[in-house]
PDB file of N, CA and C in Angstrom:
ATOM      1  N   MET A   1     -14.746   9.420  13.015  1.00  0.00           N
ATOM      2  CA  MET A   1     -14.988  10.892  12.189  1.00  0.00           C
ATOM      3  C   MET A   1     -15.425  10.676  11.094  1.00  0.00           C
ATOM      4  N   LEU A   2     -16.286  11.470  10.683  1.00  0.00           N
ATOM      5  CA  LEU A   2     -16.650  12.903  10.040  1.00  0.00           C
ATOM      6  C   LEU A   2     -16.133  13.711   9.495  1.00  0.00           C
ATOM      7  N   CYS A   3     -15.486  13.986   8.485  1.00  0.00           N
ATOM      8  CA  CYS A   3     -14.555  14.980   8.197  1.00  0.00           C
ATOM      9  C   CYS A   3     -14.430  15.084   6.864  1.00  0.00           C
ATOM     10  N   GLN A   4     -15.690  16.222   7.324  1.00  0.00           N
ATOM     11  CA  GLN A   4     -16.351  16.815   5.498  1.00  0.00           C
ATOM     12  C   GLN A   4     -15.444  17.633   4.630  1.00  0.00           C
ATOM     13  N   LEU A   5     -15.085  17.798   3.296  1.00  0.00           N
ATOM     14  CA  LEU A   5     -14.416  18.419   2.853  1.00  0.00           C
ATOM     15  C   LEU A   5     -14.874  19.358   2.075  1.00  0.00           C
ATOM     16  N   GLU A   6     -15.092  20.765   1.880  1.00  0.00           N
ATOM     17  CA  GLU A   6     -15.884  21.489   1.665  1.00  0.00           C
ATOM     18  C   GLU A   6     -15.701  21.132  -0.613  1.00  0.00           C
ATOM     19  N   MET A   7     -14.678  21.466  -0.797  1.00  0.00           N
ATOM     20  CA  MET A   7     -15.074  21.209  -2.079  1.00  0.00           C
ATOM     21  C   MET A   7     -13.150  20.367  -2.517  1.00  0.00           C
ATOM     22  N   GLU A   8     -13.445  18.678  -3.514  1.00  0.00           N
ATOM     23  CA  GLU A   8     -12.814  17.578  -3.613  1.00  0.00           C
ATOM     24  C   GLU A   8     -12.960  17.754  -5.119  1.00  0.00           C
ATOM     25  N   GLU A   9     -12.789  17.100  -6.024  1.00  0.00           N
ATOM     26  CA  GLU A   9     -12.800  16.306  -6.602  1.00  0.00           C
ATOM     27  C   GLU A   9     -13.293  14.692  -7.149  1.00  0.00           C
ATOM     28  N   MET A  10     -14.329  14.871  -7.818  1.00  0.00           N
ATOM     29  CA  MET A  10     -14.840  13.459  -7.173  1.00  0.00           C
ATOM     30  C   MET A  10     -13.967  12.890  -8.606  1.00  0.00           C
ATOM     31  N   TYR A  11     -13.619  11.069  -7.729  1.00  0.00           N
ATOM     32  CA  TYR A  11     -13.599  10.185  -7.946  1.00  0.00           C
ATOM     33  C   TYR A  11     -14.676   8.900  -8.047  1.00  0.00           C
ATOM     34  N   GLY A  12     -14.496   7.667  -8.916  1.00  0.00           N
ATOM     35  CA  GLY A  12     -15.584   7.131  -9.050  1.00  0.00           C
ATOM     36  C   GLY A  12     -14.689   6.073  -9.383  1.00  0.00           C
ATOM     37  N   GLU A  13     -16.212   4.654  -8.642  1.00  0.00           N
ATOM     38  CA  GLU A  13     -15.860   3.657  -8.480  1.00  0.00           C
ATOM     39  C   GLU A  13     -15.855   2.456 -10.288  1.00  0.00           C
ATOM     40  N   PRO A  14     -15.502   1.758 -10.806  1.00  0.00           N
ATOM     41  CA  PRO A  14     -14.694   1.297 -10.005  1.00  0.00           C
ATOM     42  C   PRO A  14     -13.618   1.431  -9.500  1.00  0.00           C
ATOM     43  N   PHE A  15     -12.676   1.075  -8.951  1.00  0.00           N
ATOM     44  CA  PHE A  15     -11.496   1.302  -8.995  1.00  0.00           C
ATOM     45  C   PHE A  15     -10.924  -0.174  -8.871  1.00  0.00           C
ATOM     46  N   GLN A  16      -9.764  -0.166  -9.211  1.00  0.00           N
ATOM     47  CA  GLN A  16      -9.260  -1.825  -9.905  1.00  0.00           C
ATOM     48  C   GLN A  16      -8.103  -1.688  -9.104  1.00  0.00           C
ATOM     49  N   VAL A  17      -8.397  -2.016  -7.899  1.00  0.00           N
ATOM     50  CA  VAL A  17      -7.326  -2.705  -6.997  1.00  0.00           C
ATOM     51  C   VAL A  17      -7.565  -4.105  -6.277  1.00  0.00           C
ATOM     52  N   PRO A  18      -6.346  -4.317  -5.405  1.00  0.00           N
ATOM     53  CA  PRO A  18      -6.728  -6.020  -4.552  1.00  0.00           C
ATOM     54  C   PRO A  18      -7.419  -5.183  -4.194  1.00  0.00           C
ATOM     55  N   SER A  19      -8.993  -6.264  -3.650  1.00  0.00           N
ATOM     56  CA  SER A  19      -9.213  -6.124  -2.626  1.00  0.00           C
ATOM     57  C   SER A  19      -8.913  -5.773  -1.114  1.00  0.00           C
ATOM     58  N   PRO A  20      -9.044  -4.845  -0.275  1.00  0.00           N
ATOM     59  CA  PRO A  20      -8.556  -4.163   0.569  1.00  0.00           C
ATOM     60  C   PRO A  20      -8.549  -4.941   2.555  1.00  0.00           C
ATOM     61  N   ASP A  21      -7.633  -5.348   3.192  1.00  0.00           N
ATOM     62  CA  ASP A  21      -8.206  -6.422   4.183  1.00  0.00           C
ATOM     63  C   ASP A  21      -8.784  -5.454   5.071  1.00  0.00           C
ATOM     64  N   GLU A  22      -8.978  -3.686   5.350  1.00  0.00           N
ATOM     65  CA  GLU A  22      -9.707  -2.976   5.526  1.00  0.00           C
ATOM     66  C   GLU A  22     -10.157  -1.835   4.109  1.00  0.00           C
ATOM     67  N   THR A  23     -10.840  -1.394   4.983  1.00  0.00           N
ATOM     68  CA  THR A  23     -11.502   0.051   4.121  1.00  0.00           C
ATOM     69  C   THR A  23     -12.264   1.032   5.468  1.00  0.00           C
ATOM     70  N   LEU A  24     -11.156   1.492   5.179  1.00  0.00           N
ATOM     71  CA  LEU A  24     -10.977   2.640   6.431  1.00  0.00           C
ATOM     72  C   LEU A  24     -11.815   4.298   6.296  1.00  0.00           C
ATOM     73  N   PHE A  25     -12.171   4.621   4.743  1.00  0.00           N
ATOM     74  CA  PHE A  25     -12.332   5.767   5.018  1.00  0.00           C
ATOM     75  C   PHE A  25     -13.366   5.596   3.530  1.00  0.00           C
ATOM     76  N   THR A  26     -14.323   5.949   2.965  1.00  0.00           N
ATOM     77  CA  THR A  26     -15.436   6.298   2.045  1.00  0.00           C
ATOM     78  C   THR A  26     -15.924   7.371   1.779  1.00  0.00           C
ATOM     79  N   SER A  27     -15.562   7.852   0.266  1.00  0.00           N
ATOM     80  CA  SER A  27     -15.915   9.269   0.659  1.00  0.00           C
ATOM     81  C   SER A  27     -17.523   8.892  -0.658  1.00  0.00           C
ATOM     82  N   TRP A  28     -18.037  10.302  -0.137  1.00  0.00           N
ATOM     83  CA  TRP A  28     -19.678  10.409  -1.217  1.00  0.00           C
ATOM     84  C   TRP A  28     -19.615  11.778  -1.994  1.00  0.00           C
ATOM     85  N   PHE A  29     -19.778  11.368  -2.402  1.00  0.00           N
ATOM     86  CA  PHE A  29     -20.140  13.150  -3.559  1.00  0.00           C
ATOM     87  C   PHE A  29     -21.487  14.066  -3.838  1.00  0.00           C
ATOM     88  N   GLU A  30     -22.066  14.970  -4.431  1.00  0.00           N
ATOM     89  CA  GLU A  30     -23.055  15.515  -4.627  1.00  0.00           C
ATOM     90  C   GLU A  30     -24.044  13.894  -5.711  1.00  0.00           C
ATOM     91  N   GLY A  31     -23.858  13.527  -6.241  1.00  0.00           N
ATOM     92  CA  GLY A  31     -24.174  13.053  -7.372  1.00  0.00           C
ATOM     93  C   GLY A  31     -24.624  11.310  -6.536  1.00  0.00           C
ATOM     94  N   GLY A  32     -24.894  11.626  -5.615  1.00  0.00           N
ATOM     95  CA  GLY A  32     -24.005   9.935  -5.088  1.00  0.00           C
ATOM     96  C   GLY A  32     -23.348   8.946  -5.100  1.00  0.00           C
ATOM     97  N   GLU A  33     -21.825   9.366  -5.612  1.00  0.00           N
ATOM     98  CA  GLU A  33     -21.304   8.640  -6.069  1.00  0.00           C
ATOM     99  C   GLU A  33     -20.564   8.007  -4.569  1.00  0.00           C
ATOM    100  N   THR A  34     -19.835   7.499  -4.823  1.00  0.00           N
ATOM    101  CA  THR A  34     -19.387   6.582  -3.658  1.00  0.00           C
ATOM    102  C   THR A  34     -17.800   6.789  -3.777  1.00  0.00           C
ATOM    103  N   PHE A  35     -16.491   6.571  -2.925  1.00  0.00           N
ATOM    104  CA  PHE A  35     -15.378   5.372  -3.998  1.00  0.00           C
ATOM    105  C   PHE A  35     -14.499   5.765  -2.257  1.00  0.00           C
ATOM    106  N   ARG A  36     -13.661   4.346  -2.935  1.00  0.00           N
ATOM    107  CA  ARG A  36     -13.151   4.016  -1.498  1.00  0.00           C
ATOM    108  C   ARG A  36     -11.183   4.537  -1.214  1.00  0.00           C
ATOM    109  N   SER A  37     -11.179   5.479  -0.464  1.00  0.00           N
ATOM    110  CA  SER A  37     -11.210   6.113   0.089  1.00  0.00           C
ATOM    111  C   SER A  37      -9.851   6.250   0.747  1.00  0.00           C
ATOM    112  N   GLY A  38     -10.053   5.228   1.707  1.00  0.00           N
ATOM    113  CA  GLY A  38      -8.784   4.465   2.705  1.00  0.00           C
ATOM    114  C   GLY A  38      -8.581   3.438   2.881  1.00  0.00           C
ATOM    115  N   LEU A  39      -8.136   2.717   2.370  1.00  0.00           N
ATOM    116  CA  LEU A  39      -7.132   1.384   1.947  1.00  0.00           C
ATOM    117  C   LEU A  39      -6.473   0.825   2.794  1.00  0.00           C
ATOM    118  N   LEU A  40      -6.373   0.129   3.397  1.00  0.00           N
ATOM    119  CA  LEU A  40      -5.757  -1.249   4.520  1.00  0.00           C
ATOM    120  C   LEU A  40      -5.278  -2.253   3.873  1.00  0.00           C
ATOM    121  N   TYR A  41      -3.051  -2.299   3.504  1.00  0.00           N
ATOM    122  CA  TYR A  41      -3.192  -4.034   3.113  1.00  0.00           C
ATOM    123  C   TYR A  41      -2.452  -3.684   4.032  1.00  0.00           C
ATOM    124  N   ARG A  42      -2.472  -5.403   4.062  1.00  0.00           N
ATOM    125  CA  ARG A  42      -1.653  -6.432   4.816  1.00  0.00           C
ATOM    126  C   ARG A  42      -0.628  -7.339   3.775  1.00  0.00           C
ATOM    127  N   ARG A  43       1.200  -6.623   4.364  1.00  0.00           N
ATOM    128  CA  ARG A  43       1.640  -7.599   3.770  1.00  0.00           C
ATOM    129  C   ARG A  43       2.402  -8.065   3.937  1.00  0.00           C
ATOM    130  N   GLY A  44       3.271  -9.937   3.385  1.00  0.00           N
ATOM    131  CA  GLY A  44       4.421 -10.166   5.359  1.00  0.00           C
ATOM    132  C   GLY A  44       4.426  -9.392   6.320  1.00  0.00           C
ATOM    133  N   ASN A  45       5.617  -9.190   6.565  1.00  0.00           N
ATOM    134  CA  ASN A  45       5.850  -7.852   8.109  1.00  0.00           C
ATOM    135  C   ASN A  45       5.032  -7.057   8.211  1.00  0.00           C
ATOM    136  N   GLY A  46       4.966  -6.428   7.140  1.00  0.00           N
ATOM    137  CA  GLY A  46       4.650  -4.596   6.403  1.00  0.00           C
ATOM    138  C   GLY A  46       2.591  -4.360   6.689  1.00  0.00           C
ATOM    139  N   GLN A  47       2.498  -3.125   6.604  1.00  0.00           N
ATOM    140  CA  GLN A  47       1.297  -2.549   6.273  1.00  0.00           C
ATOM    141  C   GLN A  47       0.861  -1.807   4.891  1.00  0.00           C
ATOM    142  N   ILE A  48       0.278  -1.402   4.115  1.00  0.00           N
ATOM    143  CA  ILE A  48       0.430  -0.199   3.511  1.00  0.00           C
ATOM    144  C   ILE A  48      -0.933   0.315   3.054  1.00  0.00           C
ATOM    145  N   PHE A  49      -0.977   1.737   3.542  1.00  0.00           N
ATOM    146  CA  PHE A  49      -2.134   2.916   3.384  1.00  0.00           C
ATOM    147  C   PHE A  49      -2.112   2.989   2.424  1.00  0.00           C
ATOM    148  N   TYR A  50      -3.259   3.194   1.553  1.00  0.00           N
ATOM    149  CA  TYR A  50      -3.914   4.614   0.672  1.00  0.00           C
ATOM    150  C   TYR A  50      -5.006   4.964   0.734  1.00  0.00           C
ATOM    151  N   PHE A  51      -4.556   6.457   0.322  1.00  0.00           N
ATOM    152  CA  PHE A  51      -5.501   7.399   0.500  1.00  0.00           C
ATOM    153  C   PHE A  51      -5.551   8.496  -0.303  1.00  0.00           C
ATOM    154  N   ARG A  52      -6.414   9.027  -0.697  1.00  0.00           N
ATOM    155  CA  ARG A  52      -6.713   9.268  -1.492  1.00  0.00           C
ATOM    156  C   ARG A  52      -7.314  10.887  -0.990  1.00  0.00           C
ATOM    157  N   PRO A  53      -6.581  11.420  -0.627  1.00  0.00           N
ATOM    158  CA  PRO A  53      -7.219  13.147  -0.282  1.00  0.00           C
ATOM    159  C   PRO A  53      -8.032  13.934  -1.604  1.00  0.00           C
ATOM    160  N   GLY A  54      -7.352  13.461  -2.678  1.00  0.00           N
ATOM    161  CA  GLY A  54      -7.853  14.547  -3.626  1.00  0.00           C
ATOM    162  C   GLY A  54      -6.597  14.873  -4.543  1.00  0.00           C
ATOM    163  N   HIS A  55      -6.650  15.899  -4.874  1.00  0.00           N
ATOM    164  CA  HIS A  55      -5.294  15.937  -5.909  1.00  0.00           C
ATOM    165  C   HIS A  55      -4.704  17.947  -6.342  1.00  0.00           C
ATOM    166  N   GLU A  56      -3.899  17.700  -7.513  1.00  0.00           N
ATOM    167  CA  GLU A  56      -4.500  19.403  -7.565  1.00  0.00           C
ATOM    168  C   GLU A  56      -5.240  20.586  -7.667  1.00  0.00           C
ATOM    169  N   ALA A  57      -6.320  20.348  -7.976  1.00  0.00           N
ATOM    170  CA  ALA A  57      -7.822  21.119  -8.263  1.00  0.00           C
ATOM    171  C   ALA A  57      -7.951  22.215  -7.033  1.00  0.00           C
ATOM    172  N   TYR A  58      -8.155  21.302  -6.082  1.00  0.00           N
ATOM    173  CA  TYR A  58      -8.318  21.856  -4.817  1.00  0.00           C
ATOM    174  C   TYR A  58      -7.170  21.569  -3.744  1.00  0.00           C
ATOM    175  N   PRO A  59      -7.691  22.956  -2.718  1.00  0.00           N
ATOM    176  CA  PRO A  59      -6.062  22.826  -2.038  1.00  0.00           C
ATOM    177  C   PRO A  59      -6.526  21.854  -0.150  1.00  0.00           C
ATOM    178  N   THR A  60      -6.453  20.041  -1.135  1.00  0.00           N
ATOM    179  CA  THR A  60      -6.540  19.532   0.340  1.00  0.00           C
ATOM    180  C   THR A  60      -5.856  18.711   0.877  1.00  0.00           C
ATOM    181  N   TYR A  61      -4.719  18.598   0.578  1.00  0.00           N
ATOM    182  CA  TYR A  61      -3.385  18.911   1.489  1.00  0.00           C
ATOM    183  C   TYR A  61      -3.766  19.811   2.817  1.00  0.00           C
ATOM    184  N   HIS A  62      -3.389  20.936   2.300  1.00  0.00           N
ATOM    185  CA  HIS A  62      -3.749  21.761   3.774  1.00  0.00           C
ATOM    186  C   HIS A  62      -4.715  21.762   4.570  1.00  0.00           C
ATOM    187  N   ASN A  63      -5.980  21.027   4.506  1.00  0.00           N
ATOM    188  CA  ASN A  63      -6.943  21.344   5.648  1.00  0.00           C
ATOM    189  C   ASN A  63      -5.952  20.002   6.437  1.00  0.00           C
ATOM    190  N   ILE A  64      -6.450  20.653   7.555  1.00  0.00           N
ATOM    191  CA  ILE A  64      -6.044  19.879   8.788  1.00  0.00           C
ATOM    192  C   ILE A  64      -6.587  18.235   9.232  1.00  0.00           C
ATOM    193  N   ASN A  65      -7.720  18.299   8.806  1.00  0.00           N
ATOM    194  CA  ASN A  65      -8.212  16.904   9.233  1.00  0.00           C
ATOM    195  C   ASN A  65      -7.716  15.197   8.238  1.00  0.00           C
ATOM    196  N   VAL A  66      -6.764  16.281   7.506  1.00  0.00           N
ATOM    197  CA  VAL A  66      -6.455  15.844   6.009  1.00  0.00           C
ATOM    198  C   VAL A  66      -4.619  15.414   6.821  1.00  0.00           C
ATOM    199  N   GLN A  67      -4.438  16.290   7.258  1.00  0.00           N
ATOM    200  CA  GLN A  67      -2.883  16.557   7.456  1.00  0.00           C
ATOM    201  C   GLN A  67      -2.460  15.639   8.468  1.00  0.00           C
ATOM    202  N   ILE A  68      -3.805  14.998   9.229  1.00  0.00           N
ATOM    203  CA  ILE A  68      -3.758  14.217  10.756  1.00  0.00           C
ATOM    204  C   ILE A  68      -3.520  12.874  10.317  1.00  0.00           C
ATOM    205  N   VAL A  69      -4.767  12.206   9.741  1.00  0.00           N
ATOM    206  CA  VAL A  69      -4.960  11.133   8.858  1.00  0.00           C
ATOM    207  C   VAL A  69      -3.634  10.148   8.324  1.00  0.00           C
ATOM    208  N   ILE A  70      -2.397  11.228   7.744  1.00  0.00           N
ATOM    209  CA  ILE A  70      -1.477  10.877   7.062  1.00  0.00           C
ATOM    210  C   ILE A  70      -0.373  11.439   8.038  1.00  0.00           C
ATOM    211  N   LYS A  71      -0.617  12.605   8.811  1.00  0.00           N
ATOM    212  CA  LYS A  71       0.434  11.851  10.251  1.00  0.00           C
ATOM    213  C   LYS A  71       0.240  10.526  11.001  1.00  0.00           C
ATOM    214  N   ASN A  72      -0.748  10.212  11.248  1.00  0.00           N
ATOM    215  CA  ASN A  72      -1.074   9.062  11.904  1.00  0.00           C
ATOM    216  C   ASN A  72      -1.158   7.719  11.248  1.00  0.00           C
ATOM    217  N   ALA A  73      -1.351   7.668   9.996  1.00  0.00           N
ATOM    218  CA  ALA A  73      -1.361   6.403   8.868  1.00  0.00           C
ATOM    219  C   ALA A  73       0.056   6.526   9.134  1.00  0.00           C
ATOM    220  N   ILE A  74       1.281   7.472   9.066  1.00  0.00           N
ATOM    221  CA  ILE A  74       2.427   6.931   8.748  1.00  0.00           C
ATOM    222  C   ILE A  74       3.274   6.756   9.955  1.00  0.00           C
ATOM    223  N   HIS A  75       2.529   6.891  10.737  1.00  0.00           N
ATOM    224  CA  HIS A  75       2.821   5.793  12.442  1.00  0.00           C
ATOM    225  C   HIS A  75       2.398   4.500  12.579  1.00  0.00           C
ATOM    226  N   PHE A  76       1.054   4.231  11.750  1.00  0.00           N
ATOM    227  CA  PHE A  76       0.791   3.015  11.897  1.00  0.00           C
ATOM    228  C   PHE A  76       1.542   2.654  10.746  1.00  0.00           C
ATOM    229  N   VAL A  77       1.436   3.062   9.344  1.00  0.00           N
ATOM    230  CA  VAL A  77       2.010   1.548   9.509  1.00  0.00           C
ATOM    231  C   VAL A  77       3.402   1.373   9.257  1.00  0.00           C
ATOM    232  N   LYS A  78       4.764   2.322  10.396  1.00  0.00           N
ATOM    233  CA  LYS A  78       5.944   2.256  10.192  1.00  0.00           C
ATOM    234  C   LYS A  78       6.631   0.768  10.868  1.00  0.00           C
ATOM    235  N   GLN A  79       6.819   0.723  10.566  1.00  0.00           N
ATOM    236  CA  GLN A  79       8.322  -0.946  10.587  1.00  0.00           C
ATOM    237  C   GLN A  79       8.182  -0.714  12.171  1.00  0.00           C
ATOM    238  N   THR A  80       7.692  -2.253  13.137  1.00  0.00           N
ATOM    239  CA  THR A  80       7.240  -2.403  14.848  1.00  0.00           C
ATOM    240  C   THR A  80       8.320  -3.776  14.838  1.00  0.00           C
ATOM    241  N   ASN A  81       8.807  -4.438  13.911  1.00  0.00           N
ATOM    242  CA  ASN A  81       9.575  -5.217  13.974  1.00  0.00           C
ATOM    243  C   ASN A  81      10.222  -5.084  13.659  1.00  0.00           C
ATOM    244  N   LYS A  82      11.645  -6.577  14.286  1.00  0.00           N
ATOM    245  CA  LYS A  82      12.995  -6.080  14.067  1.00  0.00           C
ATOM    246  C   LYS A  82      13.746  -6.705  12.698  1.00  0.00           C
ATOM    247  N   ILE A  83      12.360  -7.340  12.168  1.00  0.00           N
ATOM    248  CA  ILE A  83      12.408  -8.997  10.815  1.00  0.00           C
ATOM    249  C   ILE A  83      11.963  -8.549   9.988  1.00  0.00           C
ATOM    250  N   LEU A  84      13.159  -7.812   8.955  1.00  0.00           N
ATOM    251  CA  LEU A  84      12.884  -6.804   7.910  1.00  0.00           C
ATOM    252  C   LEU A  84      11.850  -7.151   7.055  1.00  0.00           C
ATOM    253  N   TRP A  85      11.620  -8.299   6.531  1.00  0.00           N
ATOM    254  CA  TRP A  85      10.795  -9.177   5.887  1.00  0.00           C
ATOM    255  C   TRP A  85      10.236 -10.487   6.079  1.00  0.00           C
ATOM    256  N   GLU A  86       9.830 -11.023   5.614  1.00  0.00           N
ATOM    257  CA  GLU A  86       9.295 -12.663   6.214  1.00  0.00           C
ATOM    258  C   GLU A  86       8.460 -12.842   5.109  1.00  0.00           C
ATOM    259  N   ASP A  87       9.463 -13.866   3.830  1.00  0.00           N
ATOM    260  CA  ASP A  87       8.717 -14.449   2.743  1.00  0.00           C
ATOM    261  C   ASP A  87       6.658 -15.094   3.804  1.00  0.00           C
ATOM    262  N   ILE A  88       6.278 -14.626   2.948  1.00  0.00           N
ATOM    263  CA  ILE A  88       4.467 -15.271   3.094  1.00  0.00           C
ATOM    264  C   ILE A  88       4.666 -16.174   1.581  1.00  0.00           C
ATOM    265  N   HIS A  89       4.991 -15.768   0.704  1.00  0.00           N
ATOM    266  CA  HIS A  89       4.440 -16.937  -0.620  1.00  0.00           C
ATOM    267  C   HIS A  89       5.756 -17.876   0.042  1.00  0.00           C
ATOM    268  N   SER A  90       4.964 -19.659  -0.467  1.00  0.00           N
ATOM    269  CA  SER A  90       5.816 -20.882  -0.566  1.00  0.00           C
ATOM    270  C   SER A  90       6.676 -20.678  -2.113  1.00  0.00           C
ATOM    271  N   PRO A  91       8.131 -20.616  -1.646  1.00  0.00           N
ATOM    272  CA  PRO A  91       8.887 -21.085  -3.242  1.00  0.00           C
ATOM    273  C   PRO A  91       8.488 -22.496  -3.688  1.00  0.00           C
ATOM    274  N   THR A  92       8.496 -22.631  -4.179  1.00  0.00           N
ATOM    275  CA  THR A  92       8.906 -24.544  -5.612  1.00  0.00           C
ATOM    276  C   THR A  92       9.701 -25.100  -4.969  1.00  0.00           C
ATOM    277  N   PRO A  93       9.676 -26.003  -4.528  1.00  0.00           N
ATOM    278  CA  PRO A  93      11.144 -26.964  -3.419  1.00  0.00           C
ATOM    279  C   PRO A  93      11.411 -26.627  -4.861  1.00  0.00           C
ATOM    280  N   LYS A  94      12.707 -26.659  -4.315  1.00  0.00           N
ATOM    281  CA  LYS A  94      13.938 -27.012  -5.745  1.00  0.00           C
ATOM    282  C   LYS A  94      13.729 -28.385  -6.445  1.00  0.00           C
ATOM    283  N   SER A  95      13.243 -29.837  -5.760  1.00  0.00           N
ATOM    284  CA  SER A  95      13.187 -30.695  -6.068  1.00  0.00           C
ATOM    285  C   SER A  95      12.257 -30.820  -7.066  1.00  0.00           C
ATOM    286  N   ASN A  96      11.881 -29.962  -7.282  1.00  0.00           N
ATOM    287  CA  ASN A  96      10.475 -30.081  -8.952  1.00  0.00           C
ATOM    288  C   ASN A  96      10.659 -28.886  -9.588  1.00  0.00           C
ATOM    289  N   ARG A  97      11.455 -27.588  -9.070  1.00  0.00           N
ATOM    290  CA  ARG A  97      12.365 -27.705 -10.334  1.00  0.00           C
ATOM    291  C   ARG A  97      12.872 -27.724 -11.419  1.00  0.00           C
ATOM    292  N   PRO A  98      11.905 -26.766 -12.562  1.00  0.00           N
ATOM    293  CA  PRO A  98      12.977 -27.271 -14.123  1.00  0.00           C
ATOM    294  C   PRO A  98      14.118 -26.795 -13.392  1.00  0.00           C
ATOM    295  N   LYS A  99      15.388 -27.893 -14.796  1.00  0.00           N
ATOM    296  CA  LYS A  99      17.094 -27.557 -15.151  1.00  0.00           C
ATOM    297  C   LYS A  99      17.168 -26.784 -15.369  1.00  0.00           C
ATOM    298  N   PRO A 100      17.423 -26.176 -15.239  1.00  0.00           N
ATOM    299  CA  PRO A 100      17.760 -24.994 -16.346  1.00  0.00           C
ATOM    300  C   PRO A 100      18.807 -24.307 -17.076  1.00  0.00           C
ATOM    301  N   ILE A 101      18.779 -24.222 -18.632  1.00  0.00           N
ATOM    302  CA  ILE A 101      18.651 -24.966 -19.472  1.00  0.00           C
ATOM    303  C   ILE A 101      20.644 -24.069 -20.017  1.00  0.00           C
ATOM    304  N   GLU A 102      21.169 -23.311 -19.362  1.00  0.00           N
ATOM    305  CA  GLU A 102      22.832 -23.154 -19.299  1.00  0.00           C
ATOM    306  C   GLU A 102      22.951 -22.697 -17.142  1.00  0.00           C
ATOM    307  N   LYS A 103      24.245 -22.807 -17.107  1.00  0.00           N
ATOM    308  CA  LYS A 103      24.432 -22.120 -15.654  1.00  0.00           C
ATOM    309  C   LYS A 103      24.902 -20.861 -16.055  1.00  0.00           C
ATOM    310  N   ILE A 104      23.511 -19.684 -15.112  1.00  0.00           N
ATOM    311  CA  ILE A 104      24.341 -18.722 -15.294  1.00  0.00           C
ATOM    312  C   ILE A 104      25.072 -17.510 -13.738  1.00  0.00           C
ATOM    313  N   SER A 105      25.890 -17.426 -13.787  1.00  0.00           N
ATOM    314  CA  SER A 105      25.920 -16.817 -12.813  1.00  0.00           C
ATOM    315  C   SER A 105      26.507 -15.579 -12.472  1.00  0.00           C
ATOM    316  N   LYS A 106      26.536 -15.132 -10.984  1.00  0.00           N
ATOM    317  CA  LYS A 106      26.093 -13.261 -11.506  1.00  0.00           C
ATOM    318  C   LYS A 106      26.993 -12.613 -11.513  1.00  0.00           C
ATOM    319  N   LYS A 107      26.786 -11.149 -12.615  1.00  0.00           N
ATOM    320  CA  LYS A 107      27.417 -10.197 -13.101  1.00  0.00           C
ATOM    321  C   LYS A 107      27.449  -9.333 -11.951  1.00  0.00           C
ATOM    322  N   GLY A 108      28.576  -8.395 -11.970  1.00  0.00           N
ATOM    323  CA  GLY A 108      28.627  -7.000 -11.103  1.00  0.00           C
ATOM    324  C   GLY A 108      27.888  -7.038  -9.869  1.00  0.00           C
ATOM    325  N   PHE A 109      27.788  -5.904  -9.202  1.00  0.00           N
ATOM    326  CA  PHE A 109      27.018  -5.544  -8.672  1.00  0.00           C
ATOM    327  C   PHE A 109      25.815  -6.383  -7.970  1.00  0.00           C
ATOM    328  N   SER A 110      25.681  -6.452  -6.444  1.00  0.00           N
ATOM    329  CA  SER A 110      23.570  -7.189  -6.269  1.00  0.00           C
ATOM    330  C   SER A 110      23.426  -6.734  -5.208  1.00  0.00           C
ATOM    331  N   VAL A 111      22.239  -6.741  -4.748  1.00  0.00           N
ATOM    332  CA  VAL A 111      21.752  -5.925  -3.592  1.00  0.00           C
ATOM    333  C   VAL A 111      21.883  -7.127  -2.939  1.00  0.00           C
ATOM    334  N   GLY A 112      20.765  -7.686  -3.214  1.00  0.00           N
ATOM    335  CA  GLY A 112      21.221  -8.921  -2.177  1.00  0.00           C
ATOM    336  C   GLY A 112      19.333  -9.316  -1.602  1.00  0.00           C
ATOM    337  N   HIS A 113      19.125  -9.752  -0.404  1.00  0.00           N
ATOM    338  CA  HIS A 113      17.903 -10.404  -0.067  1.00  0.00           C
ATOM    339  C   HIS A 113      18.564  -9.945   1.273  1.00  0.00           C
ATOM    340  N   PRO A 114      17.853  -9.110   2.058  1.00  0.00           N
ATOM    341  CA  PRO A 114      17.980  -8.511   3.150  1.00  0.00           C
ATOM    342  C   PRO A 114      18.388  -9.924   4.220  1.00  0.00           C
ATOM    343  N   THR A 115      18.165 -11.179   4.343  1.00  0.00           N
ATOM    344  CA  THR A 115      18.070 -12.059   5.726  1.00  0.00           C
ATOM    345  C   THR A 115      19.725 -12.903   4.694  1.00  0.00           C
ATOM    346  N   GLU A 116      19.835 -12.494   3.245  1.00  0.00           N
ATOM    347  CA  GLU A 116      20.952 -13.440   3.053  1.00  0.00           C
ATOM    348  C   GLU A 116      22.054 -12.996   4.249  1.00  0.00           C
ATOM    349  N   GLU A 117      23.011 -14.407   4.249  1.00  0.00           N
ATOM    350  CA  GLU A 117      24.357 -13.750   4.806  1.00  0.00           C
ATOM    351  C   GLU A 117      25.313 -13.889   4.250  1.00  0.00           C
ATOM    352  N   LYS A 118      26.731 -12.648   4.447  1.00  0.00           N
ATOM    353  CA  LYS A 118      27.403 -12.504   4.036  1.00  0.00           C
ATOM    354  C   LYS A 118      28.301 -13.251   4.095  1.00  0.00           C
TER     355      LYS A 118
END
């Protein structure tokens, strides 16, 4: 789908973010500049959608096509899995960890991890 906004703030590369799993939108501007404007990241069981439709200088968020992209993104990234979090990074095995300098005990309130048994 091609969506052209009449007036828009220019953003340019380099855009210092991690390489996305997918680039969904690229903006282009009058001087030939381009900018990766819709990026998808997959992390654990979830997805992150970055969208750059503009800023406060122009009424970009009132554009029906921009609103549709935001609405679709919300439905696309919402959780469909019952598992809250799957840690995809292997922790250091306990046998390889250095010995603590002192014993640290839990103090006060703790949120804990969603998979932690109570």
